[in-house]
Amino acid sequence: MARERISLYDTTLRDGAQTHGVDFSLEDKWVIVQQLDVLGLDYIEAGYPGANPTDTKFFAEARKLGGAKLTAFGMTKRPGRSISNDPGFQALLAAHADAICLVAKSWDFHVEVALGITLEENIDGIKESVAAIVASGREALLDCEHFFDGYKANPDYALSCAKTAYEAGARWVVLCDTNGGTLPEAVERIVGEAVKHIPGNRLGIHVHNDTDNGVANSLAAVRAGARQIQGTLNGLGERCGNANLTSIIPTLMLKSDYAERFETSVTPEKLRTLTHASRILDEMLNRAPDRHAPYVGESAFAHKGGIHVSAVQKDPRTYEHVPPEAVGNRRKLLVSDQAGRSNILAELDRIGIAVPKDDPRIATLLDVVKQHEAEGYAYEAADASFELLARRMLGNVPQFFEVDSFRVMVERRHNAVGDLVTMSEATVKVRIDGETVMSVGEGNGPVNALDNALRKDLGRYQRFIEDLELVDYKVRILTGGTDAVTRVLIESRDGVGNRWFTVGVSPNIVDASFEALLDSINYKLIRDGAPAP
């Protein structure tokens, strides 16, 4: 039995750009478009020409994609103006795009209050605008904004907006839950009514995630007959975000209820680029990836309890609903105070340390891990520090350099223009190849100053750390009082986007931070193959 086709439409670069704190440059847009094209999306909505200079410039030149249709977004013509006398609409027609997605009101309340026009004028605008796009030779889509709220208020009018677009030649009529407040059972019921008037293979769904039901609502629409899903990578979007294609796509492909009925343009090979695409987007936005994101998160296939790990090693299906490799992710067996020998052995195998299962050092390493975690360390969140600990106990960590001492001074003073500022200065004394090197660094805080001083001059190892960057710094107070024990977790990144975590624990926050900094540098030297002294 032939499977039905689900069309996938990405609006990361338009609707996702409305996320608080997100701003795409022209180059960002093109890189992301290419990544989405590799993933296998059918439509990539790259922006709103005429609305801002970046989007206008993006669509000013023709761009060839592998399989996706490059789509421009815009509004139906302005009320009271002709198509030819509407600059915004003319900017759409001038755009180099394979398809154009228009947005129109489908809630009578919005038509009368927000637009201030009659219901009939709105219908006429939809009809004329869709027809103009079709006449230009491009594929037309219409987003029926606020469709679900509009249907609840006036079902006949909401449906008339959708039917008008369909009859005017729109390839896709997209039903939008713009406010994101509709629940799955209502979405399924209302889409089920819509397919009585418009064929399902011409209906799409576009929902927001304000009740955390974006994925569920999209799948509910598919069950009811819609055959296009609009969403964004990593669920970007204003307020609580849009439906998350990073979760929707693998669900359609890997869950039998959908995989046996439907097919998409994403092949199993392309699906394996999903995790990479997700993290490339976060990297470009300078955001830490969501470690707990379904399918693509670093913790999506992480196992902590010793019993779980033992079972997963026998058969991953015991605690994994899909293979991590299917979405380009990997299994992670965590080392913590709940770990057993299975966790330790599995992690050693992953990082390439070959040790016999009956090696007595494994039991010792496990005891040390549990003791350290009782003191406040958290190796499940700091895999690079665990690797260093394991290598040191198993005797194969080079002593690249040795820190003799460090000192930090904090001074509050007036600067040259009279502003009161607080600055830190750090001095670090390091021995490298038998020679002592002393470096001084300044920073806006003691940790920043220490980092600058430590990485200022590491002799022959300096070239290995030139691209090292600290991207996150977290402090947690583990006990109360002014003598509290502090845990510092540092996330580091290199020039090609690799990330790793290190941890330090001490009653002194500067000492804990320095320990984590040292681990970060030593880990990078080991991973990049720096020569042993």
Protein backbone atom coordinates (compact mmCIF):
# COMPACT_ATOMS: atom_id res chain seq x y z
CA MET A 1 0.00 0.00 0.00
CA ALA A 2 1.46 3.35 -1.10
CA ARG A 3 2.27 5.81 1.64
CA GLU A 4 0.95 9.36 1.57
CA ARG A 5 3.39 12.23 1.27
CA ILE A 6 3.91 14.77 4.07
CA SER A 7 5.41 18.07 2.92
CA LEU A 8 7.85 19.73 5.34
CA TYR A 9 8.05 23.52 5.49
CA ASP A 10 10.71 25.31 7.53
CA THR A 11 10.26 28.89 8.72
CA THR A 12 13.30 29.15 11.00
CA LEU A 13 14.65 32.16 9.12
CA ARG A 14 11.37 34.09 9.16
CA ASP A 15 9.10 33.08 12.04
CA GLY A 16 12.07 31.77 14.02
CA ALA A 17 13.80 35.13 13.58
CA GLN A 18 11.12 36.62 15.83
CA THR A 19 12.66 34.78 18.79
CA HIS A 20 13.82 37.14 21.50
CA GLY A 21 17.57 37.70 21.08
CA VAL A 22 17.82 36.07 17.62
CA ASP A 23 19.13 38.03 14.65
CA PHE A 24 20.33 36.42 11.41
CA SER A 25 22.89 38.06 9.16
CA LEU A 26 22.78 37.59 5.41
CA GLU A 27 25.58 35.02 5.62
CA ASP A 28 23.84 33.23 8.50
CA LYS A 29 20.72 32.86 6.41
CA TRP A 30 22.51 31.34 3.47
CA VAL A 31 24.46 28.86 5.63
CA ILE A 32 21.27 27.72 7.37
CA VAL A 33 19.37 27.47 4.08
CA GLN A 34 22.07 25.16 2.74
CA GLN A 35 21.96 23.00 5.88
CA LEU A 36 18.17 22.71 5.71
CA ASP A 37 18.42 21.81 2.03
CA VAL A 38 20.86 19.01 2.88
CA LEU A 39 18.43 17.78 5.54
CA GLY A 40 15.77 17.43 2.84
CA LEU A 41 13.10 20.05 3.59
CA ASP A 42 10.52 20.70 0.86
CA TYR A 43 10.17 24.43 1.52
CA ILE A 44 12.54 26.88 3.20
CA GLU A 45 10.97 30.22 4.09
CA ALA A 46 14.02 32.46 4.17
CA GLY A 47 12.47 35.81 5.07
CA TYR A 48 10.16 38.71 4.27
CA PRO A 49 11.46 40.79 1.33
CA GLY A 50 10.59 44.45 1.71
CA ALA A 51 10.28 44.20 5.50
CA ASN A 52 13.99 44.71 6.28
CA PRO A 53 17.23 45.26 4.33
CA THR A 54 18.69 41.80 5.07
CA ASP A 55 15.69 39.88 3.71
CA THR A 56 15.33 42.21 0.74
CA LYS A 57 18.99 41.68 -0.17
CA PHE A 58 18.71 37.92 0.31
CA PHE A 59 15.94 37.64 -2.28
CA ALA A 60 17.56 40.15 -4.65
CA GLU A 61 19.64 37.43 -6.28
CA ALA A 62 18.68 34.02 -7.57
CA ARG A 63 19.88 31.13 -5.44
CA LYS A 64 19.81 27.52 -6.57
CA LEU A 65 19.05 24.80 -4.04
CA GLY A 66 19.35 21.06 -4.29
CA GLY A 67 15.75 20.07 -3.69
CA ALA A 68 13.98 22.61 -1.47
CA LYS A 69 11.80 25.41 -2.76
CA LEU A 70 13.08 28.77 -1.56
CA THR A 71 10.06 30.63 -0.24
CA ALA A 72 9.41 34.32 0.42
CA PHE A 73 6.88 35.47 2.99
CA GLY A 74 4.61 38.51 2.86
CA MET A 75 1.14 39.91 3.37
CA THR A 76 -1.82 39.95 1.06
CA LYS A 77 -2.35 43.29 -0.68
CA ARG A 78 -3.31 46.28 1.41
CA PRO A 79 -7.01 47.06 1.64
CA GLY A 80 -8.05 49.87 -0.70
CA ARG A 81 -5.04 49.42 -3.00
CA SER A 82 -4.57 47.57 -6.22
CA ILE A 83 -1.85 44.94 -6.63
CA SER A 84 0.16 47.28 -8.84
CA ASN A 85 -0.08 50.14 -6.32
CA ASP A 86 1.05 48.16 -3.29
CA PRO A 87 4.86 48.51 -2.74
CA GLY A 88 4.98 45.65 -0.25
CA PHE A 89 3.27 43.24 -2.60
CA GLN A 90 5.43 44.36 -5.51
CA ALA A 91 8.52 43.58 -3.41
CA LEU A 92 7.19 40.03 -3.09
CA LEU A 93 6.63 39.70 -6.82
CA ALA A 94 10.16 40.96 -7.45
CA ALA A 95 11.74 38.42 -5.09
CA HIS A 96 13.80 35.57 -6.51
CA ALA A 97 11.77 32.78 -4.91
CA ASP A 98 10.25 29.50 -6.03
CA ALA A 99 7.19 29.99 -3.84
CA ILE A 100 5.51 32.83 -2.00
CA CYS A 101 3.62 32.37 1.24
CA LEU A 102 1.05 35.06 2.00
CA VAL A 103 -0.52 35.67 5.37
CA ALA A 104 -4.14 36.78 5.77
CA LYS A 105 -6.54 37.20 8.66
CA SER A 106 -9.13 34.45 9.05
CA TRP A 107 -10.62 35.54 12.40
CA ASP A 108 -13.47 37.98 11.94
CA PHE A 109 -12.48 39.75 15.15
CA HIS A 110 -9.05 40.55 13.72
CA VAL A 111 -10.45 41.64 10.36
CA GLU A 112 -12.82 44.15 11.91
CA VAL A 113 -10.65 45.35 14.82
CA ALA A 114 -7.02 45.00 13.68
CA LEU A 115 -7.51 45.71 9.96
CA GLY A 116 -10.60 47.88 10.28
CA ILE A 117 -12.17 46.59 7.07
CA THR A 118 -15.23 44.57 6.17
CA LEU A 119 -15.22 40.79 6.05
CA GLU A 120 -15.92 40.94 2.31
CA GLU A 121 -12.95 43.23 1.66
CA ASN A 122 -10.68 40.75 3.41
CA ILE A 123 -12.00 37.88 1.26
CA ASP A 124 -11.47 39.94 -1.91
CA GLY A 125 -7.90 40.71 -0.84
CA ILE A 126 -7.13 37.01 -0.37
CA LYS A 127 -8.58 36.15 -3.76
CA GLU A 128 -6.74 38.86 -5.68
CA SER A 129 -3.42 38.30 -3.91
CA VAL A 130 -3.30 34.53 -4.38
CA ALA A 131 -4.32 34.91 -8.02
CA ALA A 132 -1.50 37.43 -8.57
CA ILE A 133 1.10 35.04 -7.16
CA VAL A 134 -0.18 32.21 -9.34
CA ALA A 135 -0.14 34.49 -12.40
CA SER A 136 3.52 35.34 -11.68
CA GLY A 137 4.42 31.70 -12.18
CA ARG A 138 5.32 31.01 -8.57
CA GLU A 139 3.73 28.52 -6.23
CA ALA A 140 1.29 30.24 -3.86
CA LEU A 141 0.65 29.39 -0.22
CA LEU A 142 -1.69 31.15 2.19
CA ASP A 143 -1.24 31.17 5.96
CA CYS A 144 -4.71 31.58 7.48
CA GLU A 145 -3.65 33.55 10.53
CA HIS A 146 -5.60 32.83 13.75
CA PHE A 147 -7.59 30.15 11.91
CA PHE A 148 -8.39 28.06 14.98
CA ASP A 149 -9.49 31.00 17.12
CA GLY A 150 -11.41 32.29 14.10
CA TYR A 151 -13.10 28.94 13.57
CA LYS A 152 -14.21 28.82 17.20
CA ALA A 153 -15.72 32.30 16.86
CA ASN A 154 -17.15 32.10 13.34
CA PRO A 155 -16.52 28.79 11.58
CA ASP A 156 -18.23 29.81 8.35
CA TYR A 157 -16.03 32.87 7.90
CA ALA A 158 -12.78 31.12 8.80
CA LEU A 159 -13.55 28.37 6.30
CA SER A 160 -14.53 30.91 3.64
CA CYS A 161 -11.06 32.50 3.89
CA ALA A 162 -9.41 29.10 3.43
CA LYS A 163 -11.72 28.09 0.58
CA THR A 164 -11.17 31.40 -1.22
CA ALA A 165 -7.41 30.82 -1.25
CA TYR A 166 -7.84 27.25 -2.48
CA GLU A 167 -10.21 28.27 -5.26
CA ALA A 168 -7.86 31.09 -6.31
CA GLY A 169 -5.12 28.51 -6.92
CA ALA A 170 -3.12 28.27 -3.71
CA ARG A 171 -1.05 25.09 -3.66
CA TRP A 172 -1.24 25.00 0.13
CA VAL A 173 -3.77 26.52 2.47
CA VAL A 174 -2.16 26.57 5.90
CA LEU A 175 -4.25 26.60 9.07
CA CYS A 176 -2.48 28.61 11.77
CA ASP A 177 -2.80 28.44 15.54
CA THR A 178 -1.15 31.84 15.84
CA ASN A 179 -1.74 32.36 19.55
CA GLY A 180 -0.70 28.79 20.32
CA GLY A 181 -3.55 28.14 22.74
CA THR A 182 -5.45 25.38 20.93
CA LEU A 183 -5.12 21.83 22.29
CA PRO A 184 -4.59 18.66 20.21
CA GLU A 185 -8.15 17.36 20.42
CA ALA A 186 -9.51 20.68 19.13
CA VAL A 187 -6.89 20.84 16.35
CA GLU A 188 -7.81 17.35 15.20
CA ARG A 189 -11.53 18.11 15.26
CA ILE A 190 -11.25 21.44 13.40
CA VAL A 191 -8.82 20.15 10.76
CA GLY A 192 -11.19 17.23 10.30
CA GLU A 193 -13.93 19.74 9.43
CA ALA A 194 -11.62 21.70 7.10
CA VAL A 195 -10.76 18.63 4.98
CA LYS A 196 -14.45 18.32 4.14
CA HIS A 197 -14.07 21.54 2.15
CA ILE A 198 -10.42 21.48 1.02
CA PRO A 199 -8.49 18.32 0.06
CA GLY A 200 -6.02 17.23 2.71
CA ASN A 201 -3.16 17.21 0.21
CA ARG A 202 -3.70 20.98 -0.11
CA LEU A 203 -3.92 21.69 3.63
CA GLY A 204 -1.05 22.57 5.96
CA ILE A 205 -0.68 23.19 9.69
CA HIS A 206 1.29 25.99 11.41
CA VAL A 207 1.15 26.06 15.19
CA HIS A 208 2.89 27.85 18.03
CA ASN A 209 4.00 26.19 21.24
CA ASP A 210 2.38 28.30 23.94
CA THR A 211 0.84 25.26 25.69
CA ASP A 212 3.88 23.04 24.93
CA ASN A 213 1.73 21.16 22.42
CA GLY A 214 3.35 22.32 19.18
CA VAL A 215 4.53 18.86 18.15
CA ALA A 216 1.35 17.16 19.38
CA ASN A 217 -0.87 19.67 17.54
CA SER A 218 1.06 19.19 14.31
CA LEU A 219 0.69 15.41 14.50
CA ALA A 220 -3.00 15.78 15.40
CA ALA A 221 -3.49 17.80 12.20
CA VAL A 222 -1.78 15.07 10.18
CA ARG A 223 -4.07 12.43 11.69
CA ALA A 224 -7.04 14.59 10.70
CA GLY A 225 -5.87 14.91 7.09
CA ALA A 226 -3.43 17.83 6.74
CA ARG A 227 -0.45 16.96 4.57
CA GLN A 228 1.97 19.81 5.14
CA ILE A 229 3.66 20.69 8.46
CA GLN A 230 5.24 24.08 9.06
CA GLY A 231 7.71 24.56 11.88
CA THR A 232 11.20 25.64 12.84
CA LEU A 233 14.50 24.01 13.66
CA ASN A 234 14.91 23.66 17.44
CA GLY A 235 11.43 25.15 17.89
CA LEU A 236 12.57 28.76 17.45
CA GLY A 237 9.83 31.38 17.38
CA GLU A 238 8.39 34.29 19.29
CA ARG A 239 7.01 33.80 22.79
CA CYS A 240 7.25 30.03 23.43
CA GLY A 241 8.35 29.12 19.91
CA ASN A 242 6.93 27.24 16.93
CA ALA A 243 6.31 23.57 16.35
CA ASN A 244 9.72 21.91 16.56
CA LEU A 245 10.66 20.21 13.29
CA THR A 246 13.67 18.69 15.05
CA SER A 247 11.21 16.50 16.97
CA ILE A 248 8.50 16.21 14.31
CA ILE A 249 10.69 14.88 11.49
CA PRO A 250 12.16 11.86 13.32
CA THR A 251 8.77 11.07 14.84
CA LEU A 252 7.25 10.89 11.36
CA MET A 253 10.09 8.67 10.15
CA LEU A 254 10.85 6.44 13.11
CA LYS A 255 7.47 5.85 14.76
CA SER A 256 5.49 3.11 13.05
CA ASP A 257 2.09 4.81 13.42
CA TYR A 258 3.35 7.50 11.05
CA ALA A 259 6.21 5.79 9.19
CA GLU A 260 3.92 3.06 7.86
CA ARG A 261 1.34 5.58 6.57
CA PHE A 262 3.46 8.52 5.43
CA GLU A 263 6.69 9.41 3.72
CA THR A 264 8.70 12.64 3.58
CA SER A 265 11.49 14.01 1.42
CA VAL A 266 13.92 13.29 4.26
CA THR A 267 15.68 9.99 3.64
CA PRO A 268 17.22 7.85 6.39
CA GLU A 269 20.64 9.09 5.25
CA LYS A 270 19.55 12.72 5.47
CA LEU A 271 17.95 12.13 8.86
CA ARG A 272 21.41 11.34 10.21
CA THR A 273 22.33 15.02 9.63
CA LEU A 274 19.56 16.20 11.99
CA THR A 275 21.66 16.52 15.16
CA HIS A 276 24.36 18.34 13.23
CA ALA A 277 21.82 20.77 11.75
CA SER A 278 20.35 21.44 15.18
CA ARG A 279 23.73 22.22 16.71
CA ILE A 280 24.94 24.28 13.75
CA LEU A 281 21.94 26.57 14.30
CA ASP A 282 22.72 26.93 18.01
CA GLU A 283 26.36 27.59 17.18
CA MET A 284 25.49 30.36 14.77
CA LEU A 285 23.20 31.95 17.36
CA ASN A 286 25.89 31.56 20.04
CA ARG A 287 23.44 29.59 22.19
CA ALA A 288 24.23 26.52 24.26
CA PRO A 289 22.37 23.54 22.77
CA ASP A 290 19.48 22.19 24.85
CA ARG A 291 21.06 19.12 26.40
CA HIS A 292 17.64 17.58 27.08
CA ALA A 293 16.10 18.17 23.63
CA PRO A 294 14.34 15.05 22.27
CA TYR A 295 16.30 13.11 19.66
CA VAL A 296 19.16 15.62 19.23
CA GLY A 297 20.06 16.67 22.79
CA GLU A 298 23.29 15.54 24.39
CA SER A 299 21.25 13.80 27.10
CA ALA A 300 18.62 12.32 24.77
CA PHE A 301 20.41 8.96 24.88
CA ALA A 302 22.29 9.37 28.15
CA HIS A 303 22.13 6.63 30.76
CA LYS A 304 23.15 7.13 34.36
CA GLY A 305 22.02 4.27 36.61
CA GLY A 306 24.29 1.23 36.63
CA ILE A 307 21.38 -1.17 36.05
CA HIS A 308 20.26 0.86 33.03
CA VAL A 309 23.75 0.90 31.56
CA SER A 310 24.18 -2.83 32.02
CA ALA A 311 20.91 -3.47 30.21
CA VAL A 312 21.66 -1.01 27.40
CA GLN A 313 24.98 -2.71 26.76
CA LYS A 314 23.15 -6.01 26.33
CA ASP A 315 20.47 -4.52 24.08
CA PRO A 316 19.97 -0.75 23.61
CA ARG A 317 16.24 -1.28 23.10
CA THR A 318 15.89 -1.86 26.84
CA TYR A 319 16.08 1.89 27.50
CA GLU A 320 16.09 3.60 24.07
CA HIS A 321 13.01 4.17 21.93
CA VAL A 322 15.04 4.71 18.71
CA PRO A 323 18.71 4.19 17.81
CA PRO A 324 20.66 7.43 18.43
CA GLU A 325 22.60 6.93 15.21
CA ALA A 326 19.37 7.28 13.21
CA VAL A 327 19.29 11.01 13.99
CA GLY A 328 23.05 11.55 14.04
CA ASN A 329 23.29 11.48 17.83
CA ARG A 330 25.22 9.09 20.05
CA ARG A 331 24.68 7.09 23.20
CA LYS A 332 26.22 8.51 26.37
CA LEU A 333 26.83 6.38 29.45
CA LEU A 334 27.23 8.74 32.38
CA VAL A 335 29.70 8.39 35.20
CA SER A 336 28.35 9.47 38.58
CA ASP A 337 27.89 8.33 42.16
CA GLN A 338 25.14 6.04 40.87
CA ALA A 339 27.48 4.43 38.36
CA GLY A 340 28.55 0.82 38.35
CA ARG A 341 31.40 -0.98 36.62
CA SER A 342 29.33 -1.06 33.44
CA ASN A 343 29.24 2.74 33.25
CA ILE A 344 32.97 3.05 33.85
CA LEU A 345 33.91 0.38 31.31
CA ALA A 346 31.53 1.78 28.70
CA GLU A 347 32.87 5.32 29.09
CA LEU A 348 36.47 4.11 28.95
CA ASP A 349 35.66 2.24 25.77
CA ARG A 350 34.06 5.35 24.25
CA ILE A 351 37.08 7.53 24.90
CA GLY A 352 39.44 4.86 23.61
CA ILE A 353 41.05 3.56 26.81
CA ALA A 354 41.43 -0.19 26.55
CA VAL A 355 41.30 -1.86 29.97
CA PRO A 356 40.48 -5.50 30.77
CA LYS A 357 37.15 -5.92 32.55
CA ASP A 358 38.83 -7.57 35.54
CA ASP A 359 41.52 -4.88 35.91
CA PRO A 360 41.58 -4.00 39.65
CA ARG A 361 42.08 -0.33 38.77
CA ILE A 362 38.45 -0.19 37.54
CA ALA A 363 37.15 -0.77 41.05
CA THR A 364 39.57 1.84 42.38
CA LEU A 365 38.48 4.36 39.75
CA LEU A 366 34.83 3.72 40.60
CA ASP A 367 35.53 4.28 44.30
CA VAL A 368 37.37 7.54 43.53
CA VAL A 369 34.51 8.78 41.34
CA LYS A 370 31.99 8.12 44.10
CA GLN A 371 34.22 9.75 46.69
CA HIS A 372 34.74 12.83 44.51
CA GLU A 373 31.03 13.15 43.82
CA ALA A 374 30.35 12.96 47.54
CA GLU A 375 32.69 15.95 47.86
CA GLY A 376 30.73 17.87 45.24
CA TYR A 377 32.12 16.91 41.83
CA ALA A 378 29.64 16.14 39.03
CA TYR A 379 31.26 14.00 36.35
CA GLU A 380 28.04 13.29 34.49
CA ALA A 381 28.05 16.99 33.56
CA ALA A 382 31.83 17.18 33.06
CA ASP A 383 32.92 14.32 30.84
CA ALA A 384 36.28 15.94 30.00
CA SER A 385 37.24 16.05 33.69
CA PHE A 386 36.27 12.40 34.05
CA GLU A 387 38.45 11.47 31.09
CA LEU A 388 41.42 13.24 32.65
CA LEU A 389 40.79 11.55 36.00
CA ALA A 390 40.59 8.15 34.34
CA ARG A 391 43.73 8.70 32.28
CA ARG A 392 45.66 9.88 35.35
CA MET A 393 44.64 6.83 37.36
CA LEU A 394 45.49 4.53 34.48
CA GLY A 395 48.85 6.24 34.04
CA ASN A 396 48.72 7.80 30.60
CA VAL A 397 48.39 11.57 30.97
CA PRO A 398 51.43 13.64 29.96
CA GLN A 399 52.51 16.43 32.33
CA PHE A 400 52.47 19.19 29.71
CA PHE A 401 53.10 21.94 32.25
CA GLU A 402 53.00 22.45 36.00
CA VAL A 403 51.53 25.42 37.83
CA ASP A 404 53.84 26.51 40.66
CA SER A 405 51.57 29.26 41.97
CA PHE A 406 48.96 31.84 41.12
CA ARG A 407 47.80 35.08 42.67
CA VAL A 408 44.76 37.25 42.03
CA MET A 409 44.21 40.86 43.09
CA VAL A 410 40.89 42.70 42.86
CA GLU A 411 40.94 46.49 42.80
CA ARG A 412 38.09 48.97 42.77
CA ARG A 413 39.17 52.34 41.40
CA HIS A 414 38.23 55.31 39.26
CA ASN A 415 39.35 54.97 35.67
CA ALA A 416 40.76 57.68 33.40
CA VAL A 417 37.32 59.20 32.75
CA GLY A 418 36.29 59.13 36.37
CA ASP A 419 34.02 56.07 36.32
CA LEU A 420 34.19 53.69 39.27
CA VAL A 421 35.29 50.27 38.00
CA THR A 422 36.39 46.97 39.51
CA MET A 423 39.26 45.20 37.79
CA SER A 424 41.16 41.99 38.53
CA GLU A 425 44.79 41.18 37.88
CA ALA A 426 46.19 37.65 38.01
CA THR A 427 49.74 36.33 38.01
CA VAL A 428 50.43 32.70 37.15
CA LYS A 429 53.81 30.98 37.45
CA VAL A 430 54.12 27.89 35.21
CA ARG A 431 56.97 25.44 34.58
CA ILE A 432 57.28 24.16 31.00
CA ASP A 433 60.14 21.88 29.93
CA GLY A 434 62.04 22.78 33.09
CA GLU A 435 61.75 26.52 32.55
CA THR A 436 59.62 28.88 34.64
CA VAL A 437 57.27 31.25 32.85
CA MET A 438 55.39 33.97 34.70
CA SER A 439 52.39 35.62 33.00
CA VAL A 440 50.11 38.43 34.05
CA GLY A 441 46.54 38.91 32.86
CA GLU A 442 43.75 41.37 33.53
CA GLY A 443 40.02 40.77 33.44
CA ASN A 444 36.67 42.03 34.61
CA GLY A 445 36.71 39.37 37.33
CA PRO A 446 39.23 37.06 39.01
CA VAL A 447 38.38 34.05 36.86
CA ASN A 448 38.62 36.05 33.63
CA ALA A 449 41.99 37.44 34.76
CA LEU A 450 43.29 33.96 35.68
CA ASP A 451 42.15 32.57 32.34
CA ASN A 452 43.92 35.37 30.46
CA ALA A 453 47.10 34.93 32.46
CA LEU A 454 47.21 31.13 32.21
CA ARG A 455 46.69 31.12 28.46
CA LYS A 456 49.02 34.02 27.75
CA ASP A 457 52.15 31.93 27.33
CA LEU A 458 52.30 28.15 27.39
CA GLY A 459 55.45 27.93 25.33
CA ARG A 460 55.38 25.25 22.66
CA TYR A 461 51.80 24.37 23.59
CA GLN A 462 50.47 27.85 22.85
CA ARG A 463 49.43 27.03 19.29
CA PHE A 464 47.16 24.24 20.56
CA ILE A 465 45.08 26.60 22.67
CA GLU A 466 44.82 29.60 20.35
CA ASP A 467 41.25 28.66 19.38
CA LEU A 468 40.18 27.70 22.91
CA GLU A 469 37.22 29.72 24.15
CA LEU A 470 35.26 29.56 27.41
CA VAL A 471 31.58 29.81 26.49
CA ASP A 472 29.81 29.14 29.78
CA TYR A 473 30.62 29.37 33.47
CA LYS A 474 28.32 28.07 36.18
CA VAL A 475 28.75 28.28 39.95
CA ARG A 476 26.81 26.27 42.48
CA ILE A 477 27.07 26.65 46.24
CA LEU A 478 26.93 23.16 47.74
CA THR A 479 26.87 24.01 51.46
CA GLY A 480 25.70 27.01 53.45
CA GLY A 481 27.70 29.72 55.20
CA THR A 482 30.62 31.90 54.20
CA ASP A 483 32.88 28.81 54.17
CA ALA A 484 30.63 27.05 51.68
CA VAL A 485 31.98 24.47 49.25
CA THR A 486 31.64 25.70 45.68
CA ARG A 487 31.34 23.73 42.44
CA VAL A 488 32.34 25.41 39.20
CA LEU A 489 31.36 23.97 35.82
CA ILE A 490 33.03 25.39 32.72
CA GLU A 491 32.02 24.78 29.12
CA SER A 492 34.76 25.23 26.52
CA ARG A 493 34.73 25.33 22.74
CA ASP A 494 37.34 25.16 20.01
CA GLY A 495 37.51 26.72 16.57
CA VAL A 496 35.60 23.93 14.83
CA GLY A 497 32.73 23.87 17.31
CA ASN A 498 33.72 20.96 19.60
CA ARG A 499 32.48 21.50 23.16
CA TRP A 500 33.51 19.93 26.45
CA PHE A 501 32.82 20.39 30.14
CA THR A 502 35.17 20.46 33.11
CA VAL A 503 34.55 20.77 36.84
CA GLY A 504 36.34 22.09 39.90
CA VAL A 505 35.36 21.95 43.58
CA SER A 506 36.77 23.92 46.52
CA PRO A 507 35.69 26.13 49.44
CA ASN A 508 37.49 28.86 47.46
CA ILE A 509 35.60 29.84 44.30
CA VAL A 510 38.77 31.04 42.57
CA ASP A 511 40.54 27.75 43.34
CA ALA A 512 37.56 25.73 42.03
CA SER A 513 37.50 27.84 38.87
CA PHE A 514 41.24 27.41 38.32
CA GLU A 515 40.94 23.64 38.66
CA ALA A 516 38.25 23.57 35.96
CA LEU A 517 40.36 25.87 33.75
CA LEU A 518 43.38 23.58 34.06
CA ASP A 519 41.29 20.55 33.14
CA SER A 520 39.92 22.35 30.09
CA ILE A 521 43.38 23.20 28.78
CA ASN A 522 44.86 19.77 29.51
CA TYR A 523 41.90 18.05 27.85
CA LYS A 524 42.37 20.06 24.68
CA LEU A 525 46.10 19.35 24.60
CA ILE A 526 45.45 15.61 24.91
CA ARG A 527 42.62 15.58 22.38
CA ASP A 528 44.59 17.57 19.81
CA GLY A 529 47.67 15.38 20.18
CA ALA A 530 50.07 17.86 21.74
CA PRO A 531 53.54 16.27 22.09
CA ALA A 532 54.45 14.95 25.52
CA PRO A 533 57.41 16.62 27.23
